[in-house]
């Protein structure tokens, strides 16, 4: 078994202005939806290699139809348990028949062979693994997805946003074109994960010779003090209840573009702020197990699921009203100058 590497504390730097994507003027302001398409597990329990289920996959076609009714293509970021299950593969292959949705790669290190690492919280971030171990897992997953869906994936997301110092080089060497592992303004250092405090919402080129397009998950600061959000939010976290008090008072909130634990009113405000700040691509995401009750902390029952679908209907209606159009994965890559 390969020795564990100490947590990298990976902290990507803010991109230089020359690396920012110069979207064409006629591309306008767009949005995209990436779905972390994965197994179900107990979010409150320690991570395990076995014991997961895939029942929520049955709910994906109905959700796909709801997005299709709004003209929204989806990118399914598929992990190993999904890619190796015949039933799940058949469902996703049929959905790809719309001609605009796509399959990407999501690496959950703890359920993705080979298992040459100790199972631990730090090692659940694939970027913390020995380079050879991360590469072996990525190779197996990429080849499995290629075989399952008949085309090689070109978009990647590390499970738990666990990108590391070698990840972009590994992706570039395997023909990946886009990464969406960086979650703007979030940090996961408490158990050895990366720190994205310096990453904003603009897409940029990175990796060897700038061959990788980085599309961060969009996170917006709202409230009276939002202009200082990047500077204030970290220190507030060191004071008990300070972030909650500031949010309740309308002073400062950090809002990610996801229906999971982000109230609708705050999401709509965040969209307005992002568009006003000139963000050209708004990147939304959620976990596929949230499409059925009881599999994530965000959708525990039928009422939560109704709110989840209501959130999306209101958000997609608002985006259409603002003239913010959806973009497929192919369109993003083709227009990323």
C-alpha atoms as a PDB file:
ATOM      1  CA  UNK A   1       0.000   0.000   0.000  1.00  0.00           C
ATOM      2  CA  UNK A   2       1.341   3.402  -0.995  1.00  0.00           C
ATOM      3  CA  UNK A   3       2.330   5.608   1.922  1.00  0.00           C
ATOM      4  CA  UNK A   4      -0.039   8.445   2.697  1.00  0.00           C
ATOM      5  CA  UNK A   5       1.150  11.870   1.666  1.00  0.00           C
ATOM      6  CA  UNK A   6       0.642  14.583   4.238  1.00  0.00           C
ATOM      7  CA  UNK A   7      -2.318  16.828   3.409  1.00  0.00           C
ATOM      8  CA  UNK A   8      -1.232  19.220   0.711  1.00  0.00           C
ATOM      9  CA  UNK A   9      -3.038  22.246   1.993  1.00  0.00           C
ATOM     10  CA  UNK A  10      -3.389  23.018  -1.704  1.00  0.00           C
ATOM     11  CA  UNK A  11      -4.225  26.676  -2.197  1.00  0.00           C
ATOM     12  CA  UNK A  12      -4.445  27.755  -5.839  1.00  0.00           C
ATOM     13  CA  UNK A  13      -3.505  31.349  -6.454  1.00  0.00           C
ATOM     14  CA  UNK A  14      -5.845  33.928  -7.875  1.00  0.00           C
ATOM     15  CA  UNK A  15      -5.527  33.824 -11.671  1.00  0.00           C
ATOM     16  CA  UNK A  16      -3.590  36.523 -13.478  1.00  0.00           C
ATOM     17  CA  UNK A  17      -5.630  38.833 -15.663  1.00  0.00           C
ATOM     18  CA  UNK A  18      -4.001  37.382 -18.787  1.00  0.00           C
ATOM     19  CA  UNK A  19      -5.360  33.933 -17.861  1.00  0.00           C
ATOM     20  CA  UNK A  20      -8.994  34.994 -17.588  1.00  0.00           C
ATOM     21  CA  UNK A  21     -11.276  33.616 -20.289  1.00  0.00           C
ATOM     22  CA  UNK A  22     -12.131  36.258 -22.882  1.00  0.00           C
ATOM     23  CA  UNK A  23     -15.687  35.215 -23.734  1.00  0.00           C
ATOM     24  CA  UNK A  24     -16.913  36.540 -27.096  1.00  0.00           C
ATOM     25  CA  UNK A  25     -19.298  39.473 -26.905  1.00  0.00           C
ATOM     26  CA  UNK A  26     -22.044  37.539 -28.685  1.00  0.00           C
ATOM     27  CA  UNK A  27     -21.744  34.719 -26.129  1.00  0.00           C
ATOM     28  CA  UNK A  28     -23.499  36.999 -23.674  1.00  0.00           C
ATOM     29  CA  UNK A  29     -23.994  36.017 -20.047  1.00  0.00           C
ATOM     30  CA  UNK A  30     -24.638  32.304 -19.666  1.00  0.00           C
ATOM     31  CA  UNK A  31     -25.214  29.669 -17.025  1.00  0.00           C
ATOM     32  CA  UNK A  32     -24.450  25.981 -16.793  1.00  0.00           C
ATOM     33  CA  UNK A  33     -25.666  23.135 -14.568  1.00  0.00           C
ATOM     34  CA  UNK A  34     -23.299  20.364 -13.474  1.00  0.00           C
ATOM     35  CA  UNK A  35     -24.766  17.408 -11.563  1.00  0.00           C
ATOM     36  CA  UNK A  36     -22.506  15.391  -9.274  1.00  0.00           C
ATOM     37  CA  UNK A  37     -23.912  12.036 -10.378  1.00  0.00           C
ATOM     38  CA  UNK A  38     -22.983   9.642  -7.613  1.00  0.00           C
ATOM     39  CA  UNK A  39     -23.845   6.913  -5.165  1.00  0.00           C
ATOM     40  CA  UNK A  40     -25.852   7.415  -1.980  1.00  0.00           C
ATOM     41  CA  UNK A  41     -24.218   7.166   1.427  1.00  0.00           C
ATOM     42  CA  UNK A  42     -24.687   8.399   4.962  1.00  0.00           C
ATOM     43  CA  UNK A  43     -23.295  11.926   4.944  1.00  0.00           C
ATOM     44  CA  UNK A  44     -22.963  11.903   8.732  1.00  0.00           C
ATOM     45  CA  UNK A  45     -20.939   8.670   8.889  1.00  0.00           C
ATOM     46  CA  UNK A  46     -17.259   8.113   8.119  1.00  0.00           C
ATOM     47  CA  UNK A  47     -16.609   7.476   4.446  1.00  0.00           C
ATOM     48  CA  UNK A  48     -16.647   3.802   3.457  1.00  0.00           C
ATOM     49  CA  UNK A  49     -15.666   1.850   0.370  1.00  0.00           C
ATOM     50  CA  UNK A  50     -18.827  -0.291   0.489  1.00  0.00           C
ATOM     51  CA  UNK A  51     -22.438  -0.012   1.580  1.00  0.00           C
ATOM     52  CA  UNK A  52     -23.597   2.597  -0.929  1.00  0.00           C
ATOM     53  CA  UNK A  53     -26.785   2.437  -3.005  1.00  0.00           C
ATOM     54  CA  UNK A  54     -27.992   3.915  -6.320  1.00  0.00           C
ATOM     55  CA  UNK A  55     -31.760   4.162  -5.817  1.00  0.00           C
ATOM     56  CA  UNK A  56     -31.931   7.897  -6.606  1.00  0.00           C
ATOM     57  CA  UNK A  57     -30.749   7.268 -10.181  1.00  0.00           C
ATOM     58  CA  UNK A  58     -34.385   6.396 -10.950  1.00  0.00           C
ATOM     59  CA  UNK A  59     -35.293  10.060 -10.317  1.00  0.00           C
ATOM     60  CA  UNK A  60     -32.792  11.488 -12.807  1.00  0.00           C
ATOM     61  CA  UNK A  61     -34.967  11.195 -15.966  1.00  0.00           C
ATOM     62  CA  UNK A  62     -37.792  13.244 -14.399  1.00  0.00           C
ATOM     63  CA  UNK A  63     -35.339  15.930 -13.338  1.00  0.00           C
ATOM     64  CA  UNK A  64     -33.782  15.889 -16.810  1.00  0.00           C
ATOM     65  CA  UNK A  65     -37.221  16.484 -18.316  1.00  0.00           C
ATOM     66  CA  UNK A  66     -37.827  19.447 -16.007  1.00  0.00           C
ATOM     67  CA  UNK A  67     -34.582  21.083 -17.146  1.00  0.00           C
ATOM     68  CA  UNK A  68     -35.288  20.224 -20.790  1.00  0.00           C
ATOM     69  CA  UNK A  69     -38.633  22.033 -20.491  1.00  0.00           C
ATOM     70  CA  UNK A  70     -36.576  25.164 -19.781  1.00  0.00           C
ATOM     71  CA  UNK A  71     -34.129  24.394 -22.607  1.00  0.00           C
ATOM     72  CA  UNK A  72     -31.298  23.634 -20.184  1.00  0.00           C
ATOM     73  CA  UNK A  73     -28.623  21.053 -21.100  1.00  0.00           C
ATOM     74  CA  UNK A  74     -27.005  19.193 -18.221  1.00  0.00           C
ATOM     75  CA  UNK A  75     -23.510  17.879 -17.593  1.00  0.00           C
ATOM     76  CA  UNK A  76     -23.525  14.690 -15.532  1.00  0.00           C
ATOM     77  CA  UNK A  77     -20.266  14.341 -13.571  1.00  0.00           C
ATOM     78  CA  UNK A  78     -20.199  10.558 -13.204  1.00  0.00           C
ATOM     79  CA  UNK A  79     -18.213   8.643 -10.598  1.00  0.00           C
ATOM     80  CA  UNK A  80     -17.081   5.003 -10.478  1.00  0.00           C
ATOM     81  CA  UNK A  81     -20.145   3.393  -8.822  1.00  0.00           C
ATOM     82  CA  UNK A  82     -22.389   5.014 -11.443  1.00  0.00           C
ATOM     83  CA  UNK A  83     -20.131   4.220 -14.411  1.00  0.00           C
ATOM     84  CA  UNK A  84     -19.873   0.538 -13.456  1.00  0.00           C
ATOM     85  CA  UNK A  85     -23.602  -0.050 -12.915  1.00  0.00           C
ATOM     86  CA  UNK A  86     -25.406  -1.253 -16.042  1.00  0.00           C
ATOM     87  CA  UNK A  87     -28.806   0.106 -15.016  1.00  0.00           C
ATOM     88  CA  UNK A  88     -27.419   3.568 -14.244  1.00  0.00           C
ATOM     89  CA  UNK A  89     -25.436   3.632 -17.479  1.00  0.00           C
ATOM     90  CA  UNK A  90     -28.508   2.745 -19.531  1.00  0.00           C
ATOM     91  CA  UNK A  91     -30.526   5.570 -17.966  1.00  0.00           C
ATOM     92  CA  UNK A  92     -27.831   8.158 -18.607  1.00  0.00           C
ATOM     93  CA  UNK A  93     -27.132   6.963 -22.156  1.00  0.00           C
ATOM     94  CA  UNK A  94     -30.788   7.491 -23.017  1.00  0.00           C
ATOM     95  CA  UNK A  95     -30.718  11.026 -21.599  1.00  0.00           C
ATOM     96  CA  UNK A  96     -27.681  11.883 -23.701  1.00  0.00           C
ATOM     97  CA  UNK A  97     -29.919  11.347 -26.715  1.00  0.00           C
ATOM     98  CA  UNK A  98     -31.012  14.977 -26.387  1.00  0.00           C
ATOM     99  CA  UNK A  99     -27.807  15.874 -28.234  1.00  0.00           C
ATOM    100  CA  UNK A 100     -26.828  18.714 -25.882  1.00  0.00           C
ATOM    101  CA  UNK A 101     -26.230  17.144 -22.472  1.00  0.00           C
ATOM    102  CA  UNK A 102     -22.857  15.596 -21.647  1.00  0.00           C
ATOM    103  CA  UNK A 103     -20.990  13.169 -19.422  1.00  0.00           C
ATOM    104  CA  UNK A 104     -18.048  14.299 -17.310  1.00  0.00           C
ATOM    105  CA  UNK A 105     -15.844  12.654 -14.698  1.00  0.00           C
ATOM    106  CA  UNK A 106     -16.130  12.904 -10.927  1.00  0.00           C
ATOM    107  CA  UNK A 107     -13.501  11.112  -8.874  1.00  0.00           C
ATOM    108  CA  UNK A 108     -14.646   9.848  -5.462  1.00  0.00           C
ATOM    109  CA  UNK A 109     -11.306   8.486  -4.298  1.00  0.00           C
ATOM    110  CA  UNK A 110     -12.738   6.329  -1.506  1.00  0.00           C
ATOM    111  CA  UNK A 111     -14.904   4.183  -3.836  1.00  0.00           C
ATOM    112  CA  UNK A 112     -12.684   4.307  -6.928  1.00  0.00           C
ATOM    113  CA  UNK A 113     -10.064   1.537  -7.332  1.00  0.00           C
ATOM    114  CA  UNK A 114      -7.222   0.912  -7.063  1.00  0.00           C
ATOM    115  CA  UNK A 115      -7.307   1.116  -3.279  1.00  0.00           C
ATOM    116  CA  UNK A 116      -3.636   1.689  -2.610  1.00  0.00           C
ATOM    117  CA  UNK A 117      -4.208   4.352   0.019  1.00  0.00           C
ATOM    118  CA  UNK A 118      -5.356   4.333   3.621  1.00  0.00           C
ATOM    119  CA  UNK A 119      -9.028   5.219   3.937  1.00  0.00           C
ATOM    120  CA  UNK A 120      -9.085   8.553   5.749  1.00  0.00           C
ATOM    121  CA  UNK A 121     -10.678  11.984   5.570  1.00  0.00           C
ATOM    122  CA  UNK A 122      -7.528  13.546   4.129  1.00  0.00           C
ATOM    123  CA  UNK A 123      -7.241  10.835   1.483  1.00  0.00           C
ATOM    124  CA  UNK A 124     -10.831  11.387   0.383  1.00  0.00           C
ATOM    125  CA  UNK A 125      -9.413  14.454  -1.359  1.00  0.00           C
ATOM    126  CA  UNK A 126      -7.869  12.800  -4.423  1.00  0.00           C
ATOM    127  CA  UNK A 127      -5.356  15.612  -4.780  1.00  0.00           C
ATOM    128  CA  UNK A 128      -3.776  14.594  -1.464  1.00  0.00           C
ATOM    129  CA  UNK A 129      -2.868  11.131  -2.745  1.00  0.00           C
ATOM    130  CA  UNK A 130       0.502  10.105  -4.076  1.00  0.00           C
ATOM    131  CA  UNK A 131       0.623  11.195  -7.713  1.00  0.00           C
ATOM    132  CA  UNK A 132       0.825   7.600  -8.929  1.00  0.00           C
ATOM    133  CA  UNK A 133      -2.288   6.663  -6.928  1.00  0.00           C
ATOM    134  CA  UNK A 134      -4.288   9.677  -8.106  1.00  0.00           C
ATOM    135  CA  UNK A 135      -3.222   8.918 -11.694  1.00  0.00           C
ATOM    136  CA  UNK A 136      -4.198   5.251 -11.439  1.00  0.00           C
ATOM    137  CA  UNK A 137      -7.645   6.098 -10.108  1.00  0.00           C
ATOM    138  CA  UNK A 138      -8.149   8.746 -12.786  1.00  0.00           C
ATOM    139  CA  UNK A 139      -7.028   6.361 -15.532  1.00  0.00           C
ATOM    140  CA  UNK A 140      -9.409   3.613 -14.442  1.00  0.00           C
ATOM    141  CA  UNK A 141     -12.342   5.995 -14.117  1.00  0.00           C
ATOM    142  CA  UNK A 142     -11.660   7.745 -17.443  1.00  0.00           C
ATOM    143  CA  UNK A 143     -11.370   4.430 -19.288  1.00  0.00           C
ATOM    144  CA  UNK A 144     -14.502   3.080 -17.597  1.00  0.00           C
ATOM    145  CA  UNK A 145     -16.550   6.128 -18.586  1.00  0.00           C
ATOM    146  CA  UNK A 146     -15.175   6.006 -22.136  1.00  0.00           C
ATOM    147  CA  UNK A 147     -16.215   2.376 -22.465  1.00  0.00           C
ATOM    148  CA  UNK A 148     -19.613   2.954 -20.841  1.00  0.00           C
ATOM    149  CA  UNK A 149     -20.662   5.962 -22.924  1.00  0.00           C
ATOM    150  CA  UNK A 150     -18.671   5.602 -26.129  1.00  0.00           C
ATOM    151  CA  UNK A 151     -16.776   8.875 -25.829  1.00  0.00           C
ATOM    152  CA  UNK A 152     -13.864  10.070 -23.765  1.00  0.00           C
ATOM    153  CA  UNK A 153     -14.839  12.589 -21.054  1.00  0.00           C
ATOM    154  CA  UNK A 154     -13.287  16.045 -21.255  1.00  0.00           C
ATOM    155  CA  UNK A 155     -14.718  17.683 -18.102  1.00  0.00           C
ATOM    156  CA  UNK A 156     -13.603  16.808 -14.573  1.00  0.00           C
ATOM    157  CA  UNK A 157     -14.557  17.449 -10.977  1.00  0.00           C
ATOM    158  CA  UNK A 158     -12.744  16.053  -7.964  1.00  0.00           C
ATOM    159  CA  UNK A 159     -15.069  14.643  -5.332  1.00  0.00           C
ATOM    160  CA  UNK A 160     -15.257  16.930  -2.305  1.00  0.00           C
ATOM    161  CA  UNK A 161     -13.587  19.518  -4.604  1.00  0.00           C
ATOM    162  CA  UNK A 162     -10.377  17.666  -3.735  1.00  0.00           C
ATOM    163  CA  UNK A 163      -8.047  18.970  -6.397  1.00  0.00           C
ATOM    164  CA  UNK A 164      -4.327  18.930  -5.622  1.00  0.00           C
ATOM    165  CA  UNK A 165      -1.024  20.265  -6.931  1.00  0.00           C
ATOM    166  CA  UNK A 166      -0.625  17.519  -9.569  1.00  0.00           C
ATOM    167  CA  UNK A 167      -4.253  17.196 -10.656  1.00  0.00           C
ATOM    168  CA  UNK A 168      -4.273  19.704 -13.509  1.00  0.00           C
ATOM    169  CA  UNK A 169      -1.189  18.148 -15.056  1.00  0.00           C
ATOM    170  CA  UNK A 170      -2.758  14.701 -14.859  1.00  0.00           C
ATOM    171  CA  UNK A 171      -5.928  16.005 -16.516  1.00  0.00           C
ATOM    172  CA  UNK A 172      -4.071  17.750 -19.320  1.00  0.00           C
ATOM    173  CA  UNK A 173      -2.044  14.632 -20.088  1.00  0.00           C
ATOM    174  CA  UNK A 174      -5.274  12.657 -20.470  1.00  0.00           C
ATOM    175  CA  UNK A 175      -7.004  15.067 -22.816  1.00  0.00           C
ATOM    176  CA  UNK A 176      -9.329  16.800 -20.374  1.00  0.00           C
ATOM    177  CA  UNK A 177     -10.295  20.315 -21.412  1.00  0.00           C
ATOM    178  CA  UNK A 178     -12.290  21.690 -18.471  1.00  0.00           C
ATOM    179  CA  UNK A 179     -12.078  21.377 -14.698  1.00  0.00           C
ATOM    180  CA  UNK A 180     -14.762  22.441 -12.224  1.00  0.00           C
ATOM    181  CA  UNK A 181     -13.172  21.337  -8.964  1.00  0.00           C
ATOM    182  CA  UNK A 182     -12.600  24.790  -7.500  1.00  0.00           C
ATOM    183  CA  UNK A 183     -15.428  26.102  -5.339  1.00  0.00           C
ATOM    184  CA  UNK A 184     -15.057  29.845  -5.270  1.00  0.00           C
ATOM    185  CA  UNK A 185     -14.454  31.373  -1.806  1.00  0.00           C
ATOM    186  CA  UNK A 186     -14.642  28.025   0.062  1.00  0.00           C
ATOM    187  CA  UNK A 187     -11.933  26.280   2.075  1.00  0.00           C
ATOM    188  CA  UNK A 188     -11.763  22.651   3.220  1.00  0.00           C
ATOM    189  CA  UNK A 189      -8.586  22.749   5.276  1.00  0.00           C
ATOM    190  CA  UNK A 190     -10.133  21.452   8.513  1.00  0.00           C
ATOM    191  CA  UNK A 191      -9.570  17.838   7.438  1.00  0.00           C
ATOM    192  CA  UNK A 192      -6.799  18.337   4.902  1.00  0.00           C
ATOM    193  CA  UNK A 193      -8.690  19.681   1.900  1.00  0.00           C
ATOM    194  CA  UNK A 194      -7.884  22.586  -0.422  1.00  0.00           C
ATOM    195  CA  UNK A 195      -8.371  26.288   0.151  1.00  0.00           C
ATOM    196  CA  UNK A 196     -10.124  28.261  -2.595  1.00  0.00           C
ATOM    197  CA  UNK A 197     -10.227  31.564  -0.729  1.00  0.00           C
ATOM    198  CA  UNK A 198      -8.280  33.284  -3.515  1.00  0.00           C
ATOM    199  CA  UNK A 199     -10.497  31.953  -6.314  1.00  0.00           C
ATOM    200  CA  UNK A 200     -13.266  34.177  -7.627  1.00  0.00           C
ATOM    201  CA  UNK A 201     -16.052  33.433 -10.087  1.00  0.00           C
ATOM    202  CA  UNK A 202     -14.329  34.195 -13.390  1.00  0.00           C
ATOM    203  CA  UNK A 203     -13.352  31.270 -15.620  1.00  0.00           C
ATOM    204  CA  UNK A 204      -9.638  31.090 -16.374  1.00  0.00           C
ATOM    205  CA  UNK A 205      -6.958  28.992 -18.029  1.00  0.00           C
ATOM    206  CA  UNK A 206      -4.622  26.926 -15.898  1.00  0.00           C
ATOM    207  CA  UNK A 207      -2.540  23.769 -15.915  1.00  0.00           C
ATOM    208  CA  UNK A 208       0.367  23.036 -18.276  1.00  0.00           C
ATOM    209  CA  UNK A 209       0.544  25.741 -20.953  1.00  0.00           C
ATOM    210  CA  UNK A 210      -2.940  26.919 -19.975  1.00  0.00           C
ATOM    211  CA  UNK A 211      -4.578  23.887 -21.568  1.00  0.00           C
ATOM    212  CA  UNK A 212      -7.254  23.487 -18.873  1.00  0.00           C
ATOM    213  CA  UNK A 213     -10.294  25.766 -18.582  1.00  0.00           C
ATOM    214  CA  UNK A 214     -11.140  26.243 -14.907  1.00  0.00           C
ATOM    215  CA  UNK A 215     -14.821  26.988 -14.312  1.00  0.00           C
ATOM    216  CA  UNK A 216     -15.240  27.582 -10.564  1.00  0.00           C
ATOM    217  CA  UNK A 217     -18.523  26.869  -8.868  1.00  0.00           C
ATOM    218  CA  UNK A 218     -20.075  30.304  -8.517  1.00  0.00           C
ATOM    219  CA  UNK A 219     -20.209  31.789  -5.016  1.00  0.00           C
ATOM    220  CA  UNK A 220     -21.386  35.330  -4.359  1.00  0.00           C
ATOM    221  CA  UNK A 221     -21.188  37.585  -1.318  1.00  0.00           C
ATOM    222  CA  UNK A 222     -24.416  39.472  -0.679  1.00  0.00           C
ATOM    223  CA  UNK A 223     -25.411  42.079   1.891  1.00  0.00           C
ATOM    224  CA  UNK A 224     -24.390  45.605   2.813  1.00  0.00           C
ATOM    225  CA  UNK A 225     -20.747  44.585   3.293  1.00  0.00           C
ATOM    226  CA  UNK A 226     -20.475  42.361   0.230  1.00  0.00           C
ATOM    227  CA  UNK A 227     -17.726  44.468  -1.362  1.00  0.00           C
ATOM    228  CA  UNK A 228     -15.446  43.354   1.479  1.00  0.00           C
ATOM    229  CA  UNK A 229     -16.754  39.810   1.606  1.00  0.00           C
ATOM    230  CA  UNK A 230     -13.571  38.065   0.506  1.00  0.00           C
ATOM    231  CA  UNK A 231     -11.632  39.896   3.208  1.00  0.00           C
ATOM    232  CA  UNK A 232     -14.202  39.664   6.018  1.00  0.00           C
ATOM    233  CA  UNK A 233     -15.714  36.208   5.703  1.00  0.00           C
ATOM    234  CA  UNK A 234     -12.679  34.257   6.873  1.00  0.00           C
ATOM    235  CA  UNK A 235     -12.123  36.226  10.103  1.00  0.00           C
ATOM    236  CA  UNK A 236     -15.861  36.068  10.878  1.00  0.00           C
ATOM    237  CA  UNK A 237     -15.591  32.291  10.931  1.00  0.00           C
ATOM    238  CA  UNK A 238     -13.234  32.507  13.883  1.00  0.00           C
ATOM    239  CA  UNK A 239     -15.858  34.228  16.014  1.00  0.00           C
ATOM    240  CA  UNK A 240     -18.704  32.013  17.290  1.00  0.00           C
ATOM    241  CA  UNK A 241     -22.019  32.684  15.499  1.00  0.00           C
ATOM    242  CA  UNK A 242     -20.609  35.778  13.796  1.00  0.00           C
ATOM    243  CA  UNK A 243     -21.361  34.616  10.254  1.00  0.00           C
ATOM    244  CA  UNK A 244     -24.937  33.755  11.166  1.00  0.00           C
ATOM    245  CA  UNK A 245     -25.469  37.086  12.902  1.00  0.00           C
ATOM    246  CA  UNK A 246     -24.056  39.042   9.949  1.00  0.00           C
ATOM    247  CA  UNK A 247     -26.245  37.095   7.530  1.00  0.00           C
ATOM    248  CA  UNK A 248     -29.379  37.569   9.646  1.00  0.00           C
ATOM    249  CA  UNK A 249     -28.689  41.303   9.858  1.00  0.00           C
ATOM    250  CA  UNK A 250     -28.306  41.575   6.083  1.00  0.00           C
ATOM    251  CA  UNK A 251     -24.673  42.579   6.418  1.00  0.00           C
ATOM    252  CA  UNK A 252     -22.862  39.686   4.734  1.00  0.00           C
ATOM    253  CA  UNK A 253     -23.780  36.260   3.374  1.00  0.00           C
ATOM    254  CA  UNK A 254     -21.880  33.776   1.251  1.00  0.00           C
ATOM    255  CA  UNK A 255     -24.239  32.240  -1.301  1.00  0.00           C
ATOM    256  CA  UNK A 256     -23.299  29.383  -3.606  1.00  0.00           C
ATOM    257  CA  UNK A 257     -25.416  28.748  -6.693  1.00  0.00           C
ATOM    258  CA  UNK A 258     -26.993  25.481  -5.596  1.00  0.00           C
ATOM    259  CA  UNK A 259     -30.432  24.523  -4.260  1.00  0.00           C
ATOM    260  CA  UNK A 260     -28.720  22.568  -1.488  1.00  0.00           C
ATOM    261  CA  UNK A 261     -28.928  24.578   1.717  1.00  0.00           C
ATOM    262  CA  UNK A 262     -29.240  27.888  -0.171  1.00  0.00           C
ATOM    263  CA  UNK A 263     -32.657  29.565   0.284  1.00  0.00           C
ATOM    264  CA  UNK A 264     -34.387  30.771  -2.857  1.00  0.00           C
ATOM    265  CA  UNK A 265     -34.484  34.448  -1.901  1.00  0.00           C
ATOM    266  CA  UNK A 266     -30.736  34.451  -1.251  1.00  0.00           C
ATOM    267  CA  UNK A 267     -30.037  32.628  -4.502  1.00  0.00           C
ATOM    268  CA  UNK A 268     -32.049  35.157  -6.498  1.00  0.00           C
ATOM    269  CA  UNK A 269     -30.157  37.993  -4.826  1.00  0.00           C
ATOM    270  CA  UNK A 270     -26.868  36.234  -5.571  1.00  0.00           C
ATOM    271  CA  UNK A 271     -27.805  35.911  -9.250  1.00  0.00           C
ATOM    272  CA  UNK A 272     -28.556  39.622  -9.397  1.00  0.00           C
ATOM    273  CA  UNK A 273     -25.220  40.426  -7.766  1.00  0.00           C
ATOM    274  CA  UNK A 274     -23.259  38.064 -10.030  1.00  0.00           C
ATOM    275  CA  UNK A 275     -24.829  39.479 -13.179  1.00  0.00           C
ATOM    276  CA  UNK A 276     -24.282  43.006 -11.907  1.00  0.00           C
ATOM    277  CA  UNK A 277     -20.628  42.253 -11.215  1.00  0.00           C
ATOM    278  CA  UNK A 278     -20.142  41.023 -14.760  1.00  0.00           C
ATOM    279  CA  UNK A 279     -19.764  37.288 -14.149  1.00  0.00           C
ATOM    280  CA  UNK A 280     -20.103  35.855 -17.662  1.00  0.00           C
ATOM    281  CA  UNK A 281     -20.789  32.210 -16.768  1.00  0.00           C
ATOM    282  CA  UNK A 282     -22.815  31.318 -13.683  1.00  0.00           C
ATOM    283  CA  UNK A 283     -21.968  27.759 -12.663  1.00  0.00           C
ATOM    284  CA  UNK A 284     -24.719  25.884 -10.778  1.00  0.00           C
ATOM    285  CA  UNK A 285     -24.365  22.426  -9.227  1.00  0.00           C
ATOM    286  CA  UNK A 286     -26.077  19.846  -7.033  1.00  0.00           C
ATOM    287  CA  UNK A 287     -25.774  16.164  -6.069  1.00  0.00           C
ATOM    288  CA  UNK A 288     -27.931  13.625  -7.905  1.00  0.00           C
ATOM    289  CA  UNK A 289     -29.031  11.859  -4.665  1.00  0.00           C
ATOM    290  CA  UNK A 290     -30.889  15.081  -3.775  1.00  0.00           C
ATOM    291  CA  UNK A 291     -33.379  14.180  -6.509  1.00  0.00           C
ATOM    292  CA  UNK A 292     -35.042  11.651  -4.187  1.00  0.00           C
ATOM    293  CA  UNK A 293     -35.950  12.106  -0.503  1.00  0.00           C
ATOM    294  CA  UNK A 294     -33.788  10.684   2.230  1.00  0.00           C
ATOM    295  CA  UNK A 295     -30.363  10.503   0.607  1.00  0.00           C
ATOM    296  CA  UNK A 296     -28.813  13.901   1.405  1.00  0.00           C
ATOM    297  CA  UNK A 297     -29.210  16.384   4.261  1.00  0.00           C
ATOM    298  CA  UNK A 298     -30.790  18.804   1.784  1.00  0.00           C
ATOM    299  CA  UNK A 299     -33.767  16.704   0.668  1.00  0.00           C
ATOM    300  CA  UNK A 300     -35.022  14.663   3.598  1.00  0.00           C
ATOM    301  CA  UNK A 301     -38.688  14.254   2.667  1.00  0.00           C
ATOM    302  CA  UNK A 302     -41.319  14.996   0.024  1.00  0.00           C
ATOM    303  CA  UNK A 303     -41.733  18.588   1.197  1.00  0.00           C
ATOM    304  CA  UNK A 304     -38.000  19.218   0.774  1.00  0.00           C
ATOM    305  CA  UNK A 305     -38.134  17.708  -2.715  1.00  0.00           C
ATOM    306  CA  UNK A 306     -41.026  19.986  -3.669  1.00  0.00           C
ATOM    307  CA  UNK A 307     -39.011  22.986  -2.452  1.00  0.00           C
ATOM    308  CA  UNK A 308     -35.999  21.714  -4.423  1.00  0.00           C
ATOM    309  CA  UNK A 309     -37.974  21.625  -7.684  1.00  0.00           C
ATOM    310  CA  UNK A 310     -39.648  24.937  -6.839  1.00  0.00           C
ATOM    311  CA  UNK A 311     -36.209  26.490  -6.302  1.00  0.00           C
ATOM    312  CA  UNK A 312     -35.108  25.456  -9.764  1.00  0.00           C
ATOM    313  CA  UNK A 313     -38.304  26.627 -11.443  1.00  0.00           C
ATOM    314  CA  UNK A 314     -37.987  30.070  -9.858  1.00  0.00           C
ATOM    315  CA  UNK A 315     -34.252  30.347 -10.591  1.00  0.00           C
ATOM    316  CA  UNK A 316     -34.570  29.265 -14.229  1.00  0.00           C
ATOM    317  CA  UNK A 317     -37.480  31.660 -14.720  1.00  0.00           C
ATOM    318  CA  UNK A 318     -35.423  34.489 -13.233  1.00  0.00           C
ATOM    319  CA  UNK A 319     -32.428  33.701 -15.431  1.00  0.00           C
ATOM    320  CA  UNK A 320     -34.634  33.722 -18.526  1.00  0.00           C
ATOM    321  CA  UNK A 321     -36.111  37.064 -17.503  1.00  0.00           C
ATOM    322  CA  UNK A 322     -32.601  38.495 -17.238  1.00  0.00           C
ATOM    323  CA  UNK A 323     -31.594  37.129 -20.632  1.00  0.00           C
ATOM    324  CA  UNK A 324     -29.048  34.756 -19.095  1.00  0.00           C
ATOM    325  CA  UNK A 325     -29.090  31.758 -21.430  1.00  0.00           C
ATOM    326  CA  UNK A 326     -27.980  28.192 -20.708  1.00  0.00           C
ATOM    327  CA  UNK A 327     -24.762  26.854 -22.187  1.00  0.00           C
ATOM    328  CA  UNK A 328     -23.826  23.265 -22.920  1.00  0.00           C
ATOM    329  CA  UNK A 329     -20.401  21.863 -22.114  1.00  0.00           C
ATOM    330  CA  UNK A 330     -19.502  21.909 -25.816  1.00  0.00           C
ATOM    331  CA  UNK A 331     -20.539  25.555 -26.122  1.00  0.00           C
ATOM    332  CA  UNK A 332     -18.441  26.539 -23.117  1.00  0.00           C
ATOM    333  CA  UNK A 333     -15.315  24.903 -24.495  1.00  0.00           C
ATOM    334  CA  UNK A 334     -15.874  26.217 -28.025  1.00  0.00           C
ATOM    335  CA  UNK A 335     -16.261  29.805 -26.803  1.00  0.00           C
ATOM    336  CA  UNK A 336     -13.484  29.837 -24.178  1.00  0.00           C
ATOM    337  CA  UNK A 337     -11.007  32.010 -26.049  1.00  0.00           C
END
